[in-house]
Protein backbone atom coordinates (compact mmCIF):
# COMPACT_ATOMS: atom_id res chain seq x y z
CA MET A 1 27.41 -53.20 -14.09
CA GLU A 2 25.05 -55.96 -15.27
CA ILE A 3 21.85 -55.06 -17.04
CA ASN A 4 19.00 -57.38 -16.43
CA TYR A 5 15.30 -57.50 -17.30
CA GLU A 6 14.24 -55.88 -13.88
CA MET A 7 16.63 -52.84 -14.74
CA ILE A 8 15.28 -52.51 -18.29
CA VAL A 9 11.68 -52.37 -17.11
CA LYS A 10 12.48 -49.90 -14.31
CA TYR A 11 14.19 -47.50 -16.85
CA LEU A 12 11.33 -47.86 -19.14
CA CYS A 13 8.73 -47.04 -16.58
CA THR A 14 10.68 -44.02 -15.17
CA ASN A 15 11.07 -42.69 -18.80
CA LYS A 16 7.36 -43.10 -19.42
CA ALA A 17 6.47 -41.51 -16.14
CA ASN A 18 8.79 -38.37 -16.94
CA LYS A 19 7.36 -38.23 -20.37
CA SER A 20 3.73 -38.08 -18.90
CA LYS A 21 4.71 -35.24 -16.62
CA VAL A 22 6.17 -33.24 -19.42
CA MET A 23 3.01 -33.95 -21.53
CA GLU A 24 0.75 -32.87 -18.64
CA SER A 25 2.73 -29.62 -18.23
CA LYS A 26 2.43 -28.81 -21.67
CA HIS A 27 -1.28 -29.71 -21.87
CA ILE A 28 -2.02 -27.28 -18.69
CA ALA A 29 0.01 -24.50 -20.49
CA ASN A 30 -1.92 -24.83 -23.86
CA THR A 31 -5.35 -24.87 -21.75
CA PHE A 32 -4.08 -21.65 -20.22
CA ILE A 33 -3.36 -19.98 -23.23
CA THR A 34 -6.41 -17.84 -24.25
CA ASP A 35 -7.08 -17.49 -28.05
CA LYS A 36 -6.01 -13.83 -29.22
CA SER A 37 -8.30 -11.10 -28.64
CA VAL A 38 -10.60 -13.36 -26.61
CA ASN A 39 -11.84 -12.83 -23.02
CA ASN A 40 -11.37 -15.70 -20.83
CA TYR A 41 -13.11 -15.59 -17.19
CA ASN A 42 -11.49 -19.01 -16.12
CA PHE A 43 -9.73 -18.47 -12.87
CA PRO A 44 -8.95 -20.73 -9.89
CA GLU A 45 -11.36 -20.54 -7.06
CA LYS A 46 -8.69 -18.97 -4.87
CA PHE A 47 -8.33 -16.08 -7.33
CA LYS A 48 -12.02 -15.74 -7.59
CA SER A 49 -12.34 -15.00 -4.13
CA ILE A 50 -9.95 -12.10 -4.44
CA PHE A 51 -11.93 -10.53 -7.20
CA ASN A 52 -14.83 -10.37 -4.90
CA GLY A 53 -17.43 -11.25 -7.41
CA GLU A 54 -16.28 -8.75 -10.08
CA SER A 55 -15.95 -9.94 -13.64
CA PHE A 56 -12.32 -9.98 -14.12
CA HIS A 57 -11.09 -11.61 -17.33
CA ARG A 58 -7.88 -12.71 -19.20
CA TYR A 59 -7.29 -11.37 -22.49
CA GLY A 60 -5.66 -13.33 -25.40
CA VAL A 61 -2.40 -12.04 -26.81
CA THR A 62 0.13 -13.09 -29.37
CA THR A 63 2.16 -15.70 -27.56
CA TYR A 64 4.79 -16.47 -29.88
CA ASP A 65 6.94 -14.74 -32.47
CA ASN A 66 9.00 -17.25 -34.56
CA ASN A 67 8.86 -19.74 -31.74
CA THR A 68 10.06 -16.98 -29.19
CA ASP A 69 7.70 -16.41 -26.34
CA ILE A 70 6.78 -12.69 -26.27
CA SER A 71 3.70 -13.13 -24.28
CA PHE A 72 5.01 -10.87 -21.44
CA TRP A 73 5.65 -8.13 -23.73
CA THR A 74 2.35 -8.28 -25.69
CA SER A 75 0.58 -8.61 -22.20
CA LEU A 76 2.40 -5.46 -20.86
CA LEU A 77 1.76 -3.13 -23.84
CA THR A 78 -1.68 -4.44 -24.19
CA LEU A 79 -2.14 -2.92 -20.59
CA ILE A 80 -0.27 0.48 -21.08
CA ASN A 81 -0.53 1.31 -24.72
CA LYS A 82 -4.28 1.57 -26.21
CA ASP A 83 -2.73 1.45 -29.61
CA PHE A 84 -1.35 -2.05 -29.18
CA ILE A 85 -4.62 -4.07 -29.43
CA ILE A 86 -4.30 -4.49 -33.14
CA PRO A 87 -4.53 -7.60 -35.21
CA TYR A 88 -1.19 -7.66 -37.08
CA ASN A 89 1.66 -9.43 -35.52
CA ASN A 90 4.34 -7.56 -37.55
CA ASP A 91 3.21 -4.28 -36.07
CA GLU A 92 3.18 -5.86 -32.64
CA SER A 93 6.90 -6.98 -33.04
CA GLN A 94 7.98 -3.57 -34.05
CA MET A 95 6.26 -1.87 -31.15
CA ILE A 96 7.96 -4.32 -28.68
CA ILE A 97 11.29 -3.53 -30.09
CA GLU A 98 10.46 0.27 -29.97
CA PHE A 99 9.29 -0.16 -26.34
CA LYS A 100 12.42 -2.09 -25.26
CA THR A 101 14.67 0.71 -26.70
CA GLN A 102 12.62 3.38 -24.81
CA LEU A 103 13.05 1.28 -21.60
CA LEU A 104 16.92 1.31 -22.15
CA GLU A 105 16.94 5.01 -22.79
CA HIS A 106 15.62 5.42 -19.34
CA TYR A 107 18.35 3.49 -17.67
CA LYS A 108 19.28 5.42 -14.51
CA ILE A 109 21.20 3.89 -11.46
CA SER A 110 19.58 6.00 -9.11
CA LYS A 111 16.19 4.84 -9.98
CA LEU A 112 16.97 1.25 -9.69
CA SER A 113 16.78 -1.50 -6.85
CA SER A 114 19.93 -2.59 -5.33
CA PHE A 115 19.94 -6.00 -6.86
CA VAL A 116 19.09 -4.43 -10.53
CA LYS A 117 22.02 -1.93 -10.20
CA LYS A 118 24.47 -4.74 -10.46
CA THR A 119 23.28 -5.15 -14.04
CA ASP A 120 24.80 -2.64 -16.48
CA LYS A 121 23.16 -1.29 -19.46
CA ILE A 122 24.74 -3.61 -22.00
CA GLU A 123 23.97 -6.68 -19.98
CA LEU A 124 20.31 -5.47 -19.58
CA ARG A 125 20.15 -5.06 -23.40
CA GLU A 126 20.93 -8.58 -23.80
CA LYS A 127 18.33 -9.89 -21.16
CA LEU A 128 15.49 -8.02 -23.11
CA LYS A 129 16.18 -10.17 -25.85
CA ILE A 130 15.15 -13.31 -24.15
CA ILE A 131 12.25 -14.34 -21.83
CA PRO A 132 12.29 -11.90 -18.97
CA ASP A 133 13.53 -12.81 -15.72
CA TYR A 134 13.19 -11.10 -12.28
CA ILE A 135 15.64 -8.56 -12.94
CA VAL A 136 14.04 -7.35 -16.30
CA LEU A 137 10.51 -7.44 -14.45
CA GLN A 138 12.00 -5.29 -11.58
CA TYR A 139 13.83 -2.84 -13.92
CA ILE A 140 10.38 -2.18 -15.61
CA VAL A 141 8.64 -1.30 -12.37
CA ASP A 142 11.52 0.74 -11.21
CA VAL A 143 11.86 2.89 -14.32
CA LEU A 144 8.06 3.29 -14.75
CA GLU A 145 7.33 3.68 -11.11
CA ILE A 146 4.41 1.10 -11.27
CA ASN A 147 3.13 -2.04 -9.45
CA PHE A 148 2.68 -5.45 -10.87
CA ILE A 149 0.24 -8.05 -9.42
CA ILE A 150 1.07 -11.58 -10.74
CA PHE A 151 -1.50 -14.28 -10.42
CA ASP A 152 0.41 -17.74 -10.93
CA PHE A 153 -1.79 -20.37 -12.35
CA LYS A 154 0.70 -23.16 -11.55
CA THR A 155 1.33 -22.32 -7.87
CA GLU A 156 -2.06 -20.77 -7.28
CA GLU A 157 -0.27 -17.97 -5.47
CA TYR A 158 -0.30 -14.04 -6.28
CA TYR A 159 3.08 -12.08 -6.19
CA VAL A 160 3.70 -8.42 -6.18
CA MET A 161 6.37 -6.17 -7.65
CA TYR A 162 7.01 -2.54 -6.84
CA ASN A 163 9.76 0.08 -6.96
CA THR A 164 10.18 1.06 -3.41
CA ASP A 165 10.76 -0.82 -0.09
CA ILE A 166 6.96 -0.82 0.79
CA MET A 167 4.35 -1.21 -1.95
CA ASN A 168 2.75 2.46 -2.95
CA PRO A 169 -0.88 1.64 -3.78
CA LEU A 170 -1.12 5.20 -5.17
CA ASN A 171 0.97 4.15 -7.86
CA ARG A 172 -0.67 2.61 -11.01
CA THR A 173 -1.04 -1.13 -10.79
CA PHE A 174 -1.23 -3.68 -13.59
CA LEU A 175 -2.64 -7.24 -13.17
CA PHE A 176 -1.09 -10.29 -14.87
CA ALA A 177 -1.87 -14.04 -15.20
CA LYS A 178 0.91 -16.44 -15.55
CA TYR A 179 1.60 -20.13 -16.12
CA GLU A 180 5.29 -20.78 -16.31
CA ASN A 181 6.55 -18.55 -19.27
CA ASN A 182 3.15 -17.81 -20.52
CA TRP A 183 1.67 -14.47 -19.46
CA GLU A 184 -1.77 -12.79 -20.09
CA PRO A 185 -3.16 -9.36 -19.01
CA ILE A 186 -6.09 -9.38 -16.65
CA MET A 187 -8.61 -6.62 -17.01
CA LEU A 188 -12.20 -5.61 -15.46
CA GLY A 189 -14.16 -4.82 -18.58
CA THR A 190 -12.21 -2.24 -20.43
CA LYS A 191 -10.46 -1.24 -17.21
CA LYS A 192 -6.79 -2.07 -17.29
CA VAL A 193 -5.10 0.14 -14.67
CA PHE A 194 -5.79 0.02 -10.96
CA ASP A 195 -4.91 1.78 -7.78
CA TYR A 196 -5.76 2.09 -4.12
CA ASN A 197 -9.41 3.03 -5.14
CA ASP A 198 -10.26 -0.51 -6.35
CA MET A 199 -11.36 -3.04 -4.28
CA ILE A 200 -9.02 -5.87 -5.64
CA LEU A 201 -6.02 -3.79 -4.03
CA LYS A 202 -7.82 -3.50 -0.70
CA GLN A 203 -8.47 -7.23 -0.74
CA LEU A 204 -4.87 -8.13 -1.61
CA LEU A 205 -3.35 -5.56 0.86
CA ASN A 206 -5.60 -6.66 3.56
CA GLN A 207 -4.74 -10.48 3.27
CA THR A 208 -3.00 -12.11 6.28
CA GLY A 209 -0.96 -15.13 7.01
CA THR A 210 -0.63 -17.75 4.22
CA ASP A 211 -3.12 -15.73 2.04
CA MET A 212 -0.74 -12.70 1.98
CA PRO A 213 0.82 -11.88 -1.31
CA LYS A 214 4.50 -12.80 -1.77
CA TYR A 215 7.21 -10.66 -3.41
CA TYR A 216 7.83 -12.15 -6.86
CA ASP A 217 11.04 -14.56 -7.00
CA SER A 218 11.79 -13.27 -3.53
CA TYR A 219 14.69 -15.74 -3.28
CA ASN A 220 16.53 -13.74 -5.90
CA THR A 221 15.04 -10.25 -5.47
CA LYS A 222 15.66 -10.39 -1.59
CA LYS A 223 12.35 -8.43 -1.19
CA THR A 224 9.63 -9.26 1.24
CA PHE A 225 6.15 -8.15 1.02
CA LEU A 226 6.01 -6.61 4.72
CA GLU A 227 3.53 -8.24 7.02
CA GLY A 228 1.67 -6.07 9.41
CA LYS A 229 3.13 -2.64 8.26
CA GLN A 230 1.91 -3.63 4.76
CA SER A 231 -2.05 -3.36 5.69
CA PHE A 232 -3.93 -1.33 3.19
CA SER A 233 -5.02 1.59 5.46
CA ALA A 234 -1.59 1.91 6.99
CA THR A 235 0.06 1.91 3.65
CA LYS A 236 -2.39 4.36 2.10
CA LYS A 237 -1.97 6.62 5.01
CA THR A 238 1.79 6.61 4.93
CA PHE A 239 1.98 7.40 1.14
CA LEU A 240 -0.74 10.08 1.39
CA GLU A 241 1.37 11.84 3.95
CA GLY A 242 4.50 11.67 1.61
CA LYS A 243 6.61 10.01 4.27
CA GLN A 244 7.93 7.10 2.17
CA SER A 245 8.30 8.91 -1.15
CA THR A 246 11.74 9.68 -2.37
CA MET A 247 10.74 10.98 -5.60
CA THR A 248 11.04 14.60 -6.38
CA LYS A 249 7.90 16.65 -7.13
CA LYS A 250 8.47 16.60 -10.91
CA GLU A 251 8.80 12.87 -10.80
CA ILE A 252 5.76 11.91 -8.69
CA THR A 253 3.51 9.43 -10.49
CA TYR A 254 0.72 9.38 -7.98
CA VAL A 255 -2.80 9.19 -9.16
CA ASP A 256 -4.79 11.84 -7.68
CA PRO A 257 -8.33 10.19 -6.88
CA GLN A 258 -10.03 13.38 -7.97
CA THR A 259 -8.60 13.03 -11.59
CA GLN A 260 -10.38 9.75 -11.91
CA SER A 261 -12.70 9.75 -14.84
CA ASN A 262 -16.16 8.14 -14.91
CA ASN A 263 -14.88 4.76 -16.28
CA GLY A 264 -12.29 4.65 -13.45
CA GLN A 265 -9.23 5.32 -15.34
CA PRO A 266 -6.57 7.49 -13.95
CA ASN A 267 -6.33 11.13 -15.22
CA GLY A 268 -9.08 10.54 -17.46
CA GLN A 269 -7.32 8.25 -19.92
CA PRO A 270 -9.28 5.67 -21.75
CA ASN A 271 -8.16 1.98 -21.47
CA GLY A 272 -5.24 2.54 -19.34
CA GLN A 273 -3.25 4.53 -21.68
CA PRO A 274 -0.69 6.36 -19.59
CA ASN A 275 0.14 10.24 -20.03
CA GLY A 276 -2.92 10.64 -22.32
CA GLN A 277 -0.31 10.70 -25.07
CA PRO A 278 -1.18 9.77 -28.62
CA ASN A 279 0.65 6.63 -29.99
CA GLY A 280 2.44 6.15 -26.95
CA GLN A 281 4.61 9.06 -26.87
CA PRO A 282 6.73 9.40 -23.78
CA ASN A 283 6.91 12.46 -21.39
CA GLY A 284 4.20 14.13 -23.35
CA GLN A 285 6.25 15.16 -26.16
CA PRO A 286 5.45 14.70 -29.90
CA ASN A 287 8.01 13.86 -32.45
CA GLY A 288 10.54 16.57 -33.14
CA GLN A 289 10.71 18.13 -29.83
CA PRO A 290 13.86 20.00 -28.68
CA ASN A 291 16.66 18.40 -26.63
CA GLY A 292 17.92 16.70 -29.82
CA GLN A 293 16.35 13.44 -28.65
CA PRO A 294 14.14 11.14 -31.05
CA ASN A 295 10.52 10.79 -29.77
CA GLY A 296 11.28 13.42 -27.00
CA GLN A 297 13.43 11.08 -24.97
CA PRO A 298 15.75 12.83 -22.40
CA LYS A 299 19.35 11.93 -22.28
CA ASP A 300 20.59 9.51 -19.51
CA ASN A 301 21.96 12.53 -17.33
CA GLU A 302 18.96 14.75 -17.82
CA SER A 303 15.69 15.06 -15.87
CA ASP A 304 12.82 12.92 -16.82
CA SER A 305 10.59 16.11 -16.69
CA VAL A 306 8.92 17.84 -19.54
CA HIS A 307 10.92 20.49 -21.07
CA THR A 308 9.46 23.67 -22.32
CA ASP A 309 10.63 25.93 -25.21
CA SER A 310 10.50 29.32 -23.36
CA GLU A 311 13.68 30.15 -21.26
CA ASN A 312 11.47 31.96 -18.76
CA ASP A 313 9.34 28.94 -18.29
CA LYS A 314 11.45 25.99 -18.56
CA ASP A 315 11.64 25.60 -15.05
CA PHE A 316 8.06 26.10 -14.35
CA GLU A 317 6.20 23.33 -12.49
CA LEU A 318 2.57 23.32 -10.90
CA PRO A 319 2.06 23.75 -7.21
CA PRO A 320 2.23 20.11 -5.56
CA ASP A 321 -1.11 20.50 -3.99
CA LEU A 322 -2.84 21.54 -7.19
CA ASN A 323 -5.68 19.14 -8.17
CA LYS A 324 -8.63 18.85 -10.41
CA THR A 325 -10.97 20.51 -7.91
CA LYS A 326 -8.57 23.49 -7.52
CA LEU A 327 -8.21 23.78 -11.21
CA THR A 328 -12.04 23.65 -11.78
CA ARG A 329 -12.51 26.61 -9.43
CA MET A 330 -10.06 28.65 -11.05
CA LYS A 331 -11.12 31.32 -13.63
CA LEU A 332 -10.61 30.29 -17.41
CA ALA A 333 -7.92 32.83 -18.09
CA GLU A 334 -5.90 31.28 -15.04
CA VAL A 335 -6.33 27.93 -16.45
CA GLN A 336 -5.34 29.23 -19.78
CA GLU A 337 -2.25 30.86 -18.31
CA LEU A 338 -0.94 27.49 -16.68
CA TYR A 339 -1.97 25.68 -20.01
CA ASN A 340 0.30 28.15 -21.97
CA LYS A 341 3.09 28.16 -19.47
CA LEU A 342 3.35 24.41 -19.70
CA HIS A 343 3.40 24.75 -23.62
CA LEU A 344 0.44 22.46 -24.01
CA ASN A 345 -1.25 24.29 -26.76
CA LYS A 346 -0.64 22.75 -30.17
CA GLY A 347 -1.51 24.37 -33.38
CA ASN A 348 -4.59 26.84 -33.68
CA VAL A 349 -6.82 24.67 -31.56
CA LYS A 350 -8.67 26.47 -28.69
CA PRO A 351 -9.49 23.88 -26.25
CA THR A 352 -12.34 24.13 -23.72
CA LYS A 353 -11.46 24.63 -19.80
CA PRO A 354 -12.31 20.96 -19.01
CA VAL A 355 -9.93 19.83 -21.87
CA MET A 356 -7.27 22.04 -20.58
CA ILE A 357 -7.68 20.72 -17.00
CA GLU A 358 -7.23 17.09 -17.92
CA THR A 359 -4.29 17.86 -20.22
CA ILE A 360 -2.51 19.70 -17.35
CA LEU A 361 -3.02 17.07 -15.00
CA ALA A 362 -1.92 14.38 -17.45
CA SER A 363 1.12 16.39 -18.31
CA GLN A 364 2.29 16.51 -14.67
CA LYS A 365 1.43 12.95 -13.67
CA THR A 366 3.15 10.77 -16.16
CA ILE A 367 4.26 7.09 -16.45
CA LYS A 368 7.49 7.65 -18.29
CA VAL A 369 7.93 5.10 -21.02
């Protein structure tokens, strides 16, 4: 093939154009990234319309650790663990490692979406070491029984992820901003956890046509955000009646609207911390609990429900229709009896009735990490 002047010019121009596109992409990514611990209220107009005038913001997190993008993990832990918002990157890295370990300990085939079941525990462990793909994201929403809403700044589309065939709006929902591999958590003031009581979910679930949310990476997940049947009112009614739930009573993670605290956090928890547990302890168990598991983790073949020390009470569980209103109407002695049967009294502290009620509710409605 003859190389002439015209071919050389064409090659150089094409190469320059490609470099320009790469530089532009990097520039957009860099402008997307928010400085650590800073609130960023910059959103595309399309997203602002969904926020309905409310002051949602992105929160700056640690993006890289030794040139490895960890922004998804720092974003997720910022939303679900109140102890994660700290200034030391080394502590963050260790907490991410511990969280991934806990996720693996909760690997249970029966909980996983069909396409995730094809990934065994060993392969999943390797996937957790790299930038998370659709399998890792789906695994997380499956085992934690939560919802993700992802606002993609590159496509200006919003995507959803959930653990059932139809999105359960009663499950705790977390919001993310994303540009390519860069992630940031989205909050409303200090509020990090959302559910069907919040206007943003009503807005999203009532969208139609081209404005309707899409399932994240639907080509690979083979899941579709169901049109028509997925309207907010229909979905809310379906799940309130319990017709779509395949979870056992002990595993239900529904957020009872009557347990919402004044700041809008489920179960009275500040800043979206699940379970109301100190230092992110799973399943309501402090270190050194029985079952021989570190940090109170159950074995893979055991139930995820809370274990008690007493043989007589080990199978005790609250009535499924018990809520905050009913607990409040109970006598102090009756609440104390439930509190003791659940083995929630630690040490010599004598909690007040409101504290016991919130602790009982939090112990029974958990996001298992």
